[in-house]
Protein backbone atom coordinates (compact mmCIF):
# COMPACT_ATOMS: atom_id res chain seq x y z
CA MET A 1 0.00 0.00 0.00
CA ALA A 2 2.78 2.41 0.95
CA TYR A 3 4.56 1.68 -2.34
CA GLU A 4 1.38 2.45 -4.33
CA ARG A 5 0.98 5.70 -2.41
CA LYS A 6 4.55 6.65 -3.28
CA ILE A 7 3.87 6.05 -6.99
CA ASN A 8 0.66 8.11 -6.81
CA HIS A 9 2.50 10.87 -4.99
CA ASN A 10 5.25 10.91 -7.65
CA LEU A 11 2.82 10.96 -10.60
CA PRO A 12 2.04 14.72 -10.53
CA LYS A 13 5.78 15.47 -10.37
CA LEU A 14 6.40 13.28 -13.42
CA ARG A 15 3.53 14.97 -15.25
CA SER A 16 4.79 18.45 -14.44
CA THR A 17 8.40 17.73 -15.50
CA PRO A 18 7.87 18.07 -19.29
CA THR A 19 7.66 21.86 -19.31
CA LYS A 20 8.71 21.94 -22.97
CA GLN A 21 5.19 20.84 -23.89
CA LYS A 22 3.59 23.53 -21.71
CA LEU A 23 5.78 26.40 -22.90
CA PRO A 24 4.61 26.42 -26.55
CA LYS A 25 0.99 26.71 -25.36
CA ARG A 26 1.88 29.78 -23.28
CA GLN A 27 3.86 31.19 -26.22
CA GLN A 28 0.81 30.63 -28.44
CA GLN A 29 -1.36 32.48 -25.92
CA ILE A 30 1.13 35.37 -25.83
CA ARG A 31 1.25 35.43 -29.64
CA ARG A 32 -2.55 35.43 -29.83
CA TRP A 33 -2.73 38.24 -27.26
CA ARG A 34 -0.13 40.22 -29.21
CA LEU A 35 -2.04 39.66 -32.45
CA CYS A 36 -5.26 40.74 -30.74
CA SER A 37 -3.59 43.89 -29.39
CA LYS A 38 -2.17 44.62 -32.87
CA ARG A 39 -5.63 44.16 -34.39
CA ARG A 40 -7.14 46.43 -31.74
CA ARG A 41 -4.52 49.09 -32.47
CA LEU A 42 -5.18 48.79 -36.21
CA GLU A 43 -8.93 49.03 -35.63
CA GLU A 44 -8.46 52.06 -33.38
CA SER A 45 -6.21 53.77 -35.95
CA LEU A 46 -8.74 52.99 -38.71
CA GLU A 47 -11.57 54.38 -36.57
CA LYS A 48 -9.52 57.52 -35.92
CA ARG A 49 -8.80 57.88 -39.65
CA LEU A 50 -12.47 57.37 -40.51
CA GLY A 51 -13.46 59.80 -37.76
CA SER A 52 -11.02 62.43 -39.06
CA HIS A 53 -12.35 62.01 -42.61
């Protein structure tokens, strides 16, 4: 029983070790957020241009 508990206790650590898989997801989120912010800026600039016209 104690051995099984040890394995179960070590499982989350083993799962969390491959950070290389998690990093790209975060990078994707950052890229998406940057793209969104760029789009927002473009939209704002377009609105300003349209407003000035």
